[in-house]
């Protein structure tokens, strides 16, 4: 049985989700996943080294290379063969919260998807097992910006 795909961290979601070649009619299309767009953005737009890109997306360097190669292949196919590009889907997370345990004061980074379990009794501190866990982010450059379920607690 294959391992589940690890969430890829992205920082940017494009405002446009469809590019169509000039001219009317129906076009075949390629779907670019959001993590593929992020890989292109980090490597080709920001000009970062591959290892830095992989760190920012929280994947291994070989995984980053596979994501980047797939994105470039789809973009090249669209340009060469006149195909539309649809952007969407993928296996990604956008929000990273800084979690804090009230009982043991442990602080760690956690994905929004996991932080949304706070208040439902499904999320516990990895250090002491307490369910008194809250989001510490106050919108100060963190990805969360208060979008997670804080249970009304402002730390």
Protein backbone atom coordinates (compact mmCIF):
# COMPACT_ATOMS: atom_id res chain seq x y z
CA UNK A 1 0.00 0.00 0.00
CA UNK A 2 1.40 3.39 -0.99
CA UNK A 3 1.94 6.15 1.54
CA UNK A 4 -0.56 9.00 1.47
CA UNK A 5 0.69 12.09 -0.35
CA UNK A 6 2.16 14.67 2.01
CA UNK A 7 0.52 18.10 2.04
CA UNK A 8 2.56 20.64 0.07
CA UNK A 9 2.72 24.10 1.60
CA UNK A 10 1.84 26.96 -0.73
CA UNK A 11 1.96 30.69 -0.08
CA UNK A 12 0.18 31.98 -3.16
CA UNK A 13 -3.12 31.25 -4.88
CA UNK A 14 -3.49 32.92 -8.31
CA UNK A 15 -6.51 35.14 -8.90
CA UNK A 16 -7.06 33.71 -12.37
CA UNK A 17 -7.77 30.01 -12.69
CA UNK A 18 -8.00 29.58 -16.46
CA UNK A 19 -5.88 30.59 -19.44
CA UNK A 20 -7.21 30.08 -22.95
CA UNK A 21 -5.34 30.54 -26.25
CA UNK A 22 -6.51 33.44 -28.39
CA UNK A 23 -9.26 32.48 -30.77
CA UNK A 24 -12.68 30.99 -30.36
CA UNK A 25 -13.84 27.45 -30.01
CA UNK A 26 -13.15 24.60 -27.66
CA UNK A 27 -9.67 23.75 -26.53
CA UNK A 28 -8.11 20.72 -24.95
CA UNK A 29 -6.70 21.70 -21.57
CA UNK A 30 -4.05 20.85 -19.04
CA UNK A 31 -4.77 21.13 -15.33
CA UNK A 32 -2.03 22.75 -13.28
CA UNK A 33 -2.26 21.88 -9.59
CA UNK A 34 -1.76 24.67 -7.09
CA UNK A 35 1.46 23.11 -5.79
CA UNK A 36 2.77 23.09 -9.38
CA UNK A 37 2.01 26.82 -9.67
CA UNK A 38 3.82 27.37 -6.36
CA UNK A 39 6.88 25.45 -7.62
CA UNK A 40 7.00 27.59 -10.79
CA UNK A 41 6.57 30.77 -8.73
CA UNK A 42 9.32 29.93 -6.26
CA UNK A 43 11.86 28.67 -8.79
CA UNK A 44 11.21 30.74 -11.91
CA UNK A 45 9.70 33.97 -10.56
CA UNK A 46 11.48 34.35 -7.20
CA UNK A 47 14.64 32.66 -8.54
CA UNK A 48 15.28 30.59 -5.42
CA UNK A 49 17.58 27.58 -5.28
CA UNK A 50 15.84 24.21 -5.39
CA UNK A 51 16.66 23.34 -1.80
CA UNK A 52 15.15 26.63 -0.58
CA UNK A 53 12.04 26.05 -2.72
CA UNK A 54 11.67 22.55 -1.28
CA UNK A 55 12.04 23.89 2.26
CA UNK A 56 9.40 26.56 1.67
CA UNK A 57 6.97 23.96 0.32
CA UNK A 58 7.94 21.52 3.11
CA UNK A 59 8.78 18.68 0.70
CA UNK A 60 12.00 16.88 -0.17
CA UNK A 61 14.18 18.25 -2.95
CA UNK A 62 13.45 15.26 -5.26
CA UNK A 63 9.71 15.75 -4.67
CA UNK A 64 10.06 19.45 -5.48
CA UNK A 65 11.90 18.54 -8.70
CA UNK A 66 9.11 16.16 -9.74
CA UNK A 67 6.45 18.82 -9.07
CA UNK A 68 8.44 21.43 -11.02
CA UNK A 69 9.07 19.09 -13.98
CA UNK A 70 5.39 18.17 -14.21
CA UNK A 71 4.37 21.85 -14.14
CA UNK A 72 6.85 22.81 -16.85
CA UNK A 73 5.76 19.86 -19.01
CA UNK A 74 2.11 20.94 -18.81
CA UNK A 75 2.94 24.57 -19.58
CA UNK A 76 5.11 23.59 -22.56
CA UNK A 77 2.40 21.26 -23.87
CA UNK A 78 -0.15 24.06 -23.62
CA UNK A 79 2.03 26.56 -25.46
CA UNK A 80 3.23 24.18 -28.18
CA UNK A 81 -0.11 22.47 -28.79
CA UNK A 82 -2.46 25.40 -28.16
CA UNK A 83 -4.12 23.92 -25.09
CA UNK A 84 -5.88 25.86 -22.35
CA UNK A 85 -4.55 25.77 -18.79
CA UNK A 86 -6.90 25.27 -15.85
CA UNK A 87 -5.47 25.96 -12.39
CA UNK A 88 -6.86 24.15 -9.38
CA UNK A 89 -6.77 21.10 -7.19
CA UNK A 90 -3.80 19.37 -5.75
CA UNK A 91 -2.63 18.23 -2.36
CA UNK A 92 -1.68 21.43 -0.56
CA UNK A 93 -2.10 23.47 2.59
CA UNK A 94 -2.03 27.24 2.74
CA UNK A 95 -2.22 28.12 6.37
CA UNK A 96 0.36 27.41 9.00
CA UNK A 97 -0.54 28.26 12.57
CA UNK A 98 1.70 28.47 15.58
CA UNK A 99 0.03 26.26 18.18
CA UNK A 100 0.59 26.54 21.93
CA UNK A 101 -0.33 24.18 24.73
CA UNK A 102 -1.64 26.04 27.77
CA UNK A 103 -0.67 23.21 30.14
CA UNK A 104 3.00 22.68 29.20
CA UNK A 105 3.73 25.85 27.11
CA UNK A 106 4.97 23.79 24.14
CA UNK A 107 4.89 25.80 20.90
CA UNK A 108 4.98 24.22 17.43
CA UNK A 109 3.88 24.93 13.85
CA UNK A 110 0.75 23.15 12.70
CA UNK A 111 -1.27 23.19 9.50
CA UNK A 112 -4.62 24.93 9.30
CA UNK A 113 -6.21 21.60 8.43
CA UNK A 114 -5.12 20.18 11.79
CA UNK A 115 -5.80 23.38 13.75
CA UNK A 116 -9.41 23.36 12.55
CA UNK A 117 -9.89 20.34 14.85
CA UNK A 118 -9.39 22.55 17.94
CA UNK A 119 -12.54 22.77 20.00
CA UNK A 120 -13.84 19.46 18.69
CA UNK A 121 -11.79 17.35 21.10
CA UNK A 122 -9.75 15.91 18.23
CA UNK A 123 -6.53 17.87 18.70
CA UNK A 124 -4.01 17.33 21.51
CA UNK A 125 -0.56 18.57 22.43
CA UNK A 126 2.15 16.27 21.05
CA UNK A 127 4.25 16.84 24.20
CA UNK A 128 1.82 16.28 27.11
CA UNK A 129 -1.44 15.09 25.50
CA UNK A 130 -3.50 18.02 26.78
CA UNK A 131 -6.47 19.26 24.76
CA UNK A 132 -5.86 22.83 25.99
CA UNK A 133 -4.26 23.82 22.67
CA UNK A 134 -4.81 27.13 20.91
CA UNK A 135 -3.60 29.06 17.89
CA UNK A 136 -0.98 31.61 18.93
CA UNK A 137 -0.93 33.50 15.60
CA UNK A 138 -2.06 37.10 15.83
CA UNK A 139 -1.82 38.01 12.14
CA UNK A 140 1.83 39.05 12.46
CA UNK A 141 3.07 37.51 9.24
CA UNK A 142 1.92 34.01 10.07
CA UNK A 143 -0.09 32.17 7.43
CA UNK A 144 -3.05 31.61 9.70
CA UNK A 145 -3.97 35.26 10.23
CA UNK A 146 -6.75 34.17 12.56
CA UNK A 147 -8.52 31.94 10.04
CA UNK A 148 -8.27 28.85 12.22
CA UNK A 149 -10.64 27.91 15.01
CA UNK A 150 -9.12 29.57 18.08
CA UNK A 151 -12.04 28.76 20.39
CA UNK A 152 -12.36 32.46 21.06
CA UNK A 153 -8.99 32.60 22.83
CA UNK A 154 -6.65 35.46 21.96
CA UNK A 155 -3.21 34.70 23.34
